[in-house]
N, C-alpha and C. Protein backbone atom coordinates (compact mmCIF):
# COMPACT_ATOMS: atom_id res chain seq x y z
N MET A 1 -22.43 4.48 9.83
CA MET A 1 -22.29 4.10 8.43
C MET A 1 -20.82 4.19 8.03
N ILE A 2 -20.33 3.17 7.38
CA ILE A 2 -18.94 3.16 6.92
C ILE A 2 -18.88 3.81 5.54
N ALA A 3 -18.04 4.82 5.42
CA ALA A 3 -17.87 5.51 4.14
C ALA A 3 -17.00 4.66 3.22
N ASP A 4 -17.10 4.91 1.94
CA ASP A 4 -16.22 4.26 0.97
C ASP A 4 -14.87 4.94 1.07
N ILE A 5 -13.97 4.35 1.83
CA ILE A 5 -12.68 4.96 2.11
C ILE A 5 -11.86 5.14 0.84
N LEU A 6 -11.88 4.14 -0.04
CA LEU A 6 -11.10 4.24 -1.27
C LEU A 6 -11.53 5.45 -2.09
N THR A 7 -12.83 5.63 -2.27
CA THR A 7 -13.32 6.77 -3.04
C THR A 7 -12.94 8.08 -2.37
N ALA A 8 -13.06 8.14 -1.05
CA ALA A 8 -12.69 9.36 -0.33
C ALA A 8 -11.22 9.70 -0.53
N ILE A 9 -10.35 8.69 -0.46
CA ILE A 9 -8.92 8.92 -0.66
C ILE A 9 -8.65 9.37 -2.08
N GLU A 10 -9.25 8.69 -3.06
CA GLU A 10 -9.00 9.03 -4.46
C GLU A 10 -9.50 10.43 -4.82
N LYS A 11 -10.52 10.93 -4.10
CA LYS A 11 -11.03 12.28 -4.35
C LYS A 11 -10.33 13.31 -3.47
N GLY A 12 -9.43 12.86 -2.61
CA GLY A 12 -8.80 13.72 -1.63
C GLY A 12 -7.58 14.46 -2.13
N ARG A 13 -6.92 15.13 -1.19
CA ARG A 13 -5.72 15.90 -1.47
C ARG A 13 -4.66 15.55 -0.44
N VAL A 14 -3.41 15.74 -0.83
CA VAL A 14 -2.28 15.57 0.08
C VAL A 14 -1.67 16.95 0.28
N TYR A 15 -1.55 17.37 1.54
CA TYR A 15 -0.97 18.67 1.87
C TYR A 15 0.36 18.45 2.60
N GLY A 16 1.32 19.30 2.32
CA GLY A 16 2.60 19.23 3.02
C GLY A 16 3.39 20.50 2.79
N SER A 17 4.55 20.59 3.42
CA SER A 17 5.37 21.79 3.30
C SER A 17 5.88 22.00 1.88
N SER A 18 5.92 20.93 1.09
CA SER A 18 6.39 21.06 -0.30
C SER A 18 5.25 21.32 -1.27
N GLY A 19 4.04 21.56 -0.75
CA GLY A 19 2.91 21.87 -1.62
C GLY A 19 1.76 20.90 -1.40
N GLU A 20 0.85 20.88 -2.36
CA GLU A 20 -0.31 20.01 -2.27
C GLU A 20 -0.57 19.36 -3.62
N LYS A 21 -1.30 18.24 -3.58
CA LYS A 21 -1.61 17.54 -4.83
C LYS A 21 -2.93 16.81 -4.70
N ASP A 22 -3.64 16.73 -5.82
CA ASP A 22 -4.89 15.97 -5.89
C ASP A 22 -4.55 14.51 -6.13
N VAL A 23 -5.09 13.64 -5.31
CA VAL A 23 -4.79 12.21 -5.43
C VAL A 23 -5.28 11.67 -6.76
N ASN A 24 -6.45 12.13 -7.23
CA ASN A 24 -6.97 11.59 -8.50
C ASN A 24 -6.11 11.97 -9.69
N GLU A 25 -5.23 12.96 -9.54
CA GLU A 25 -4.33 13.35 -10.63
C GLU A 25 -3.00 12.60 -10.58
N LEU A 26 -2.75 11.89 -9.49
CA LEU A 26 -1.52 11.09 -9.40
C LEU A 26 -1.66 9.85 -10.28
N PRO A 27 -0.65 9.53 -11.07
CA PRO A 27 -0.77 8.36 -11.94
C PRO A 27 -0.59 7.06 -11.16
N TRP A 28 -1.26 6.02 -11.62
CA TRP A 28 -0.97 4.68 -11.12
C TRP A 28 0.34 4.25 -11.77
N GLN A 29 1.31 3.87 -10.95
CA GLN A 29 2.61 3.40 -11.44
C GLN A 29 2.61 1.87 -11.40
N GLU A 30 2.68 1.24 -12.56
CA GLU A 30 2.72 -0.22 -12.60
C GLU A 30 4.00 -0.71 -11.94
N HIS A 31 3.88 -1.74 -11.12
CA HIS A 31 5.05 -2.30 -10.45
C HIS A 31 5.94 -2.98 -11.48
N SER A 32 7.23 -2.77 -11.39
CA SER A 32 8.16 -3.30 -12.39
C SER A 32 8.37 -4.81 -12.27
N SER A 33 8.09 -5.39 -11.12
CA SER A 33 8.34 -6.82 -10.92
C SER A 33 7.08 -7.67 -10.80
N PHE A 34 5.96 -7.07 -10.40
CA PHE A 34 4.77 -7.86 -10.11
C PHE A 34 3.61 -7.43 -11.00
N PHE A 35 3.21 -8.32 -11.92
CA PHE A 35 2.09 -8.06 -12.84
C PHE A 35 0.80 -7.86 -12.04
N GLY A 36 0.02 -6.87 -12.46
CA GLY A 36 -1.27 -6.63 -11.82
C GLY A 36 -1.19 -5.80 -10.56
N VAL A 37 -0.01 -5.27 -10.27
CA VAL A 37 0.19 -4.45 -9.06
C VAL A 37 0.56 -3.03 -9.50
N ALA A 38 -0.10 -2.04 -8.90
CA ALA A 38 0.20 -0.64 -9.21
C ALA A 38 0.14 0.19 -7.93
N LEU A 39 0.86 1.32 -7.94
CA LEU A 39 0.92 2.19 -6.76
C LEU A 39 0.70 3.64 -7.16
N LYS A 40 0.07 4.38 -6.24
CA LYS A 40 0.04 5.84 -6.29
C LYS A 40 0.88 6.30 -5.12
N HIS A 41 1.89 7.09 -5.40
CA HIS A 41 2.80 7.56 -4.35
C HIS A 41 2.22 8.84 -3.74
N LEU A 42 1.56 8.69 -2.60
CA LEU A 42 0.89 9.81 -1.95
C LEU A 42 1.87 10.74 -1.26
N VAL A 43 2.78 10.16 -0.49
CA VAL A 43 3.79 10.91 0.26
C VAL A 43 5.11 10.20 0.04
N THR A 44 6.13 10.94 -0.36
CA THR A 44 7.44 10.34 -0.65
C THR A 44 8.52 10.94 0.25
N ALA A 45 9.70 10.38 0.14
CA ALA A 45 10.85 10.87 0.92
C ALA A 45 11.08 12.36 0.69
N GLU A 46 10.79 12.82 -0.51
CA GLU A 46 10.95 14.24 -0.84
C GLU A 46 10.09 15.10 0.09
N ASN A 47 8.90 14.60 0.46
CA ASN A 47 7.98 15.35 1.31
C ASN A 47 8.33 15.27 2.79
N THR A 48 9.10 14.24 3.19
CA THR A 48 9.30 13.98 4.63
C THR A 48 10.76 13.94 5.05
N GLY A 49 11.65 14.34 4.17
CA GLY A 49 13.07 14.25 4.48
C GLY A 49 13.52 12.81 4.67
N GLY A 50 12.80 11.89 4.05
CA GLY A 50 13.14 10.47 4.13
C GLY A 50 12.58 9.74 5.33
N ALA A 51 11.84 10.45 6.19
CA ALA A 51 11.35 9.84 7.43
C ALA A 51 10.32 8.74 7.19
N PHE A 52 9.38 8.97 6.26
CA PHE A 52 8.35 7.97 5.97
C PHE A 52 7.77 8.24 4.59
N SER A 53 7.02 7.26 4.08
CA SER A 53 6.28 7.44 2.83
C SER A 53 4.95 6.71 2.95
N SER A 54 4.00 7.11 2.10
CA SER A 54 2.67 6.52 2.08
C SER A 54 2.25 6.28 0.64
N HIS A 55 1.68 5.10 0.38
CA HIS A 55 1.36 4.70 -0.98
C HIS A 55 0.00 4.01 -1.01
N LEU A 56 -0.80 4.31 -2.02
CA LEU A 56 -2.02 3.57 -2.28
C LEU A 56 -1.64 2.45 -3.23
N VAL A 57 -1.88 1.21 -2.81
CA VAL A 57 -1.46 0.03 -3.57
C VAL A 57 -2.69 -0.71 -4.07
N ARG A 58 -2.68 -1.07 -5.35
CA ARG A 58 -3.76 -1.86 -5.95
C ARG A 58 -3.18 -3.19 -6.43
N VAL A 59 -3.78 -4.29 -5.97
CA VAL A 59 -3.41 -5.62 -6.44
C VAL A 59 -4.65 -6.19 -7.13
N LYS A 60 -4.56 -6.42 -8.43
CA LYS A 60 -5.70 -6.93 -9.20
C LYS A 60 -6.03 -8.37 -8.79
N ARG A 61 -7.32 -8.71 -8.87
CA ARG A 61 -7.77 -10.06 -8.54
C ARG A 61 -6.96 -11.09 -9.32
N GLY A 62 -6.51 -12.12 -8.62
CA GLY A 62 -5.72 -13.17 -9.24
C GLY A 62 -4.23 -12.86 -9.33
N CYS A 63 -3.83 -11.68 -8.88
CA CYS A 63 -2.42 -11.28 -8.93
C CYS A 63 -1.86 -11.22 -7.51
N GLU A 64 -0.54 -11.02 -7.42
CA GLU A 64 0.07 -10.94 -6.11
C GLU A 64 1.32 -10.08 -6.13
N ILE A 65 1.63 -9.56 -4.95
CA ILE A 65 2.94 -8.98 -4.70
C ILE A 65 3.74 -10.16 -4.16
N GLY A 66 4.63 -10.68 -4.98
CA GLY A 66 5.37 -11.88 -4.62
C GLY A 66 6.27 -11.68 -3.41
N LYS A 67 6.84 -12.77 -2.95
CA LYS A 67 7.67 -12.77 -1.75
C LYS A 67 8.81 -11.76 -1.89
N HIS A 68 8.90 -10.86 -0.91
CA HIS A 68 9.92 -9.82 -0.93
C HIS A 68 10.15 -9.30 0.48
N ILE A 69 11.19 -8.50 0.64
CA ILE A 69 11.47 -7.82 1.91
C ILE A 69 11.75 -6.35 1.62
N HIS A 70 11.69 -5.55 2.66
CA HIS A 70 12.11 -4.14 2.59
C HIS A 70 13.22 -3.98 3.61
N GLU A 71 14.44 -3.93 3.12
CA GLU A 71 15.60 -3.86 4.01
C GLU A 71 15.55 -2.61 4.89
N GLY A 72 15.57 -2.82 6.20
CA GLY A 72 15.63 -1.72 7.15
C GLY A 72 14.39 -0.85 7.22
N LYS A 73 13.25 -1.32 6.69
CA LYS A 73 12.04 -0.50 6.68
C LYS A 73 10.87 -1.23 7.35
N TRP A 74 10.22 -0.54 8.27
CA TRP A 74 8.94 -1.00 8.80
C TRP A 74 7.88 -0.74 7.75
N GLU A 75 6.86 -1.61 7.68
CA GLU A 75 5.76 -1.40 6.75
C GLU A 75 4.45 -1.60 7.49
N LEU A 76 3.51 -0.70 7.25
CA LEU A 76 2.17 -0.79 7.83
C LEU A 76 1.18 -0.92 6.69
N HIS A 77 0.37 -1.98 6.71
CA HIS A 77 -0.70 -2.17 5.72
C HIS A 77 -2.04 -1.86 6.38
N GLU A 78 -2.83 -1.03 5.72
CA GLU A 78 -4.22 -0.80 6.11
C GLU A 78 -5.06 -1.17 4.90
N VAL A 79 -5.80 -2.27 5.00
CA VAL A 79 -6.62 -2.73 3.88
C VAL A 79 -7.88 -1.88 3.84
N ILE A 80 -8.11 -1.22 2.70
CA ILE A 80 -9.26 -0.32 2.61
C ILE A 80 -10.35 -0.83 1.68
N GLN A 81 -10.04 -1.83 0.86
CA GLN A 81 -11.07 -2.43 0.00
C GLN A 81 -10.56 -3.76 -0.54
N GLY A 82 -11.49 -4.69 -0.75
CA GLY A 82 -11.16 -5.95 -1.39
C GLY A 82 -10.96 -7.10 -0.42
N LYS A 83 -10.65 -8.27 -1.02
CA LYS A 83 -10.43 -9.48 -0.24
C LYS A 83 -9.25 -10.23 -0.80
N GLY A 84 -8.39 -10.67 0.10
CA GLY A 84 -7.22 -11.43 -0.30
C GLY A 84 -6.55 -12.00 0.93
N LYS A 85 -5.24 -12.18 0.83
CA LYS A 85 -4.49 -12.65 1.99
C LYS A 85 -3.07 -12.12 1.94
N CYS A 86 -2.45 -12.14 3.11
CA CYS A 86 -1.06 -11.75 3.24
C CYS A 86 -0.34 -12.85 4.01
N ILE A 87 0.82 -13.20 3.54
CA ILE A 87 1.65 -14.17 4.25
C ILE A 87 2.88 -13.43 4.74
N ILE A 88 3.02 -13.34 6.06
CA ILE A 88 4.16 -12.68 6.69
C ILE A 88 4.99 -13.77 7.36
N GLU A 89 6.19 -13.96 6.84
CA GLU A 89 7.01 -15.12 7.20
C GLU A 89 6.18 -16.35 6.86
N ASN A 90 5.72 -17.12 7.84
CA ASN A 90 4.90 -18.30 7.56
C ASN A 90 3.48 -18.18 8.08
N LYS A 91 3.08 -16.97 8.50
CA LYS A 91 1.74 -16.76 9.04
C LYS A 91 0.84 -16.17 7.96
N GLU A 92 -0.30 -16.82 7.72
CA GLU A 92 -1.25 -16.36 6.70
C GLU A 92 -2.37 -15.57 7.36
N LEU A 93 -2.61 -14.37 6.84
CA LEU A 93 -3.67 -13.49 7.34
C LEU A 93 -4.70 -13.26 6.25
N ASP A 94 -5.99 -13.27 6.62
CA ASP A 94 -7.02 -12.83 5.69
C ASP A 94 -6.93 -11.32 5.58
N TYR A 95 -7.03 -10.82 4.35
CA TYR A 95 -6.99 -9.37 4.11
C TYR A 95 -8.36 -8.94 3.61
N TYR A 96 -8.97 -8.00 4.32
CA TYR A 96 -10.25 -7.41 3.94
C TYR A 96 -10.33 -6.05 4.62
N GLU A 97 -11.36 -5.26 4.24
CA GLU A 97 -11.49 -3.91 4.78
C GLU A 97 -11.37 -3.90 6.29
N GLY A 98 -10.54 -2.99 6.81
CA GLY A 98 -10.40 -2.83 8.25
C GLY A 98 -9.22 -3.57 8.85
N ILE A 99 -8.58 -4.44 8.09
CA ILE A 99 -7.42 -5.17 8.61
C ILE A 99 -6.19 -4.26 8.55
N THR A 100 -5.42 -4.28 9.62
CA THR A 100 -4.13 -3.58 9.68
C THR A 100 -3.06 -4.61 10.03
N ALA A 101 -1.96 -4.57 9.30
CA ALA A 101 -0.85 -5.50 9.55
C ALA A 101 0.44 -4.71 9.67
N ILE A 102 1.26 -5.09 10.63
CA ILE A 102 2.57 -4.48 10.84
C ILE A 102 3.62 -5.48 10.39
N ILE A 103 4.49 -5.05 9.48
CA ILE A 103 5.53 -5.92 8.95
C ILE A 103 6.88 -5.32 9.34
N PRO A 104 7.61 -6.02 10.21
CA PRO A 104 8.92 -5.51 10.64
C PRO A 104 9.94 -5.49 9.50
N PRO A 105 11.01 -4.74 9.66
CA PRO A 105 12.07 -4.70 8.64
C PRO A 105 12.62 -6.10 8.35
N ASP A 106 12.95 -6.31 7.09
CA ASP A 106 13.67 -7.50 6.65
C ASP A 106 12.87 -8.81 6.78
N ILE A 107 11.56 -8.72 6.93
CA ILE A 107 10.72 -9.92 7.06
C ILE A 107 10.05 -10.20 5.71
N PRO A 108 10.20 -11.41 5.16
CA PRO A 108 9.57 -11.73 3.88
C PRO A 108 8.05 -11.76 4.00
N HIS A 109 7.39 -11.23 2.97
CA HIS A 109 5.94 -11.21 2.95
C HIS A 109 5.42 -11.23 1.52
N VAL A 110 4.15 -11.64 1.38
CA VAL A 110 3.45 -11.78 0.11
C VAL A 110 2.05 -11.22 0.31
N VAL A 111 1.50 -10.54 -0.70
CA VAL A 111 0.10 -10.11 -0.68
C VAL A 111 -0.57 -10.69 -1.92
N GLN A 112 -1.71 -11.36 -1.72
CA GLN A 112 -2.44 -11.98 -2.82
C GLN A 112 -3.87 -11.45 -2.85
N ALA A 113 -4.33 -11.08 -4.04
CA ALA A 113 -5.72 -10.68 -4.24
C ALA A 113 -6.46 -11.91 -4.74
N THR A 114 -7.05 -12.66 -3.83
CA THR A 114 -7.62 -13.96 -4.17
C THR A 114 -9.04 -13.88 -4.69
N LYS A 115 -9.88 -13.04 -4.11
CA LYS A 115 -11.29 -13.01 -4.46
C LYS A 115 -11.69 -11.78 -5.26
N GLU A 116 -10.98 -10.69 -5.07
CA GLU A 116 -11.27 -9.44 -5.78
C GLU A 116 -10.05 -8.53 -5.65
N ASP A 117 -10.07 -7.41 -6.37
CA ASP A 117 -8.97 -6.45 -6.25
C ASP A 117 -8.81 -6.06 -4.78
N VAL A 118 -7.56 -5.86 -4.37
CA VAL A 118 -7.27 -5.43 -3.00
C VAL A 118 -6.59 -4.07 -3.07
N TYR A 119 -7.06 -3.14 -2.23
CA TYR A 119 -6.46 -1.82 -2.11
C TYR A 119 -5.93 -1.66 -0.70
N ILE A 120 -4.68 -1.23 -0.61
CA ILE A 120 -3.99 -1.09 0.67
C ILE A 120 -3.36 0.29 0.75
N LEU A 121 -3.46 0.92 1.92
CA LEU A 121 -2.62 2.07 2.22
C LEU A 121 -1.37 1.48 2.87
N ALA A 122 -0.24 1.64 2.23
CA ALA A 122 1.02 1.10 2.74
C ALA A 122 1.91 2.26 3.15
N LYS A 123 2.36 2.21 4.40
CA LYS A 123 3.27 3.23 4.91
C LYS A 123 4.60 2.59 5.25
N PHE A 124 5.68 3.31 4.99
CA PHE A 124 7.03 2.81 5.23
C PHE A 124 7.81 3.78 6.10
N VAL A 125 8.55 3.23 7.06
CA VAL A 125 9.44 4.01 7.93
C VAL A 125 10.77 3.28 7.97
N PRO A 126 11.86 3.92 7.51
CA PRO A 126 11.91 5.17 6.74
C PRO A 126 11.26 5.00 5.37
N ALA A 127 11.23 6.08 4.61
CA ALA A 127 10.53 6.12 3.33
C ALA A 127 11.01 5.05 2.37
N LEU A 128 10.04 4.50 1.60
CA LEU A 128 10.36 3.54 0.54
C LEU A 128 11.04 4.25 -0.62
N LEU A 129 10.49 5.39 -1.00
CA LEU A 129 11.06 6.22 -2.06
C LEU A 129 10.60 7.65 -1.90
């Protein structure tokens, strides 16, 4: 049986050398550039000495994370709920639960929530923030 991963994460905790935090108490931070996109910063550079970061990303149905790059940062997407698509350079991928995508540094990409809200665990090396 597949558990509801999103619910498990939202009810979970983050532990680290700098302390612990309840994920459900972390605020959704609206993205400053992309309407309908919000993030919960689970692990930040402060927790890892800048080595990596992890974020729960929500893209509302009909919205998108427009074309962008992350200079010098690898990005790993793990789709945990919803349906949409991702365009990495010129390759279009269907996004749904269980999909993992690796995005190399400096490569343009887009995430679209086409059919329903999309939730992604996004990890960055080095840390995004």
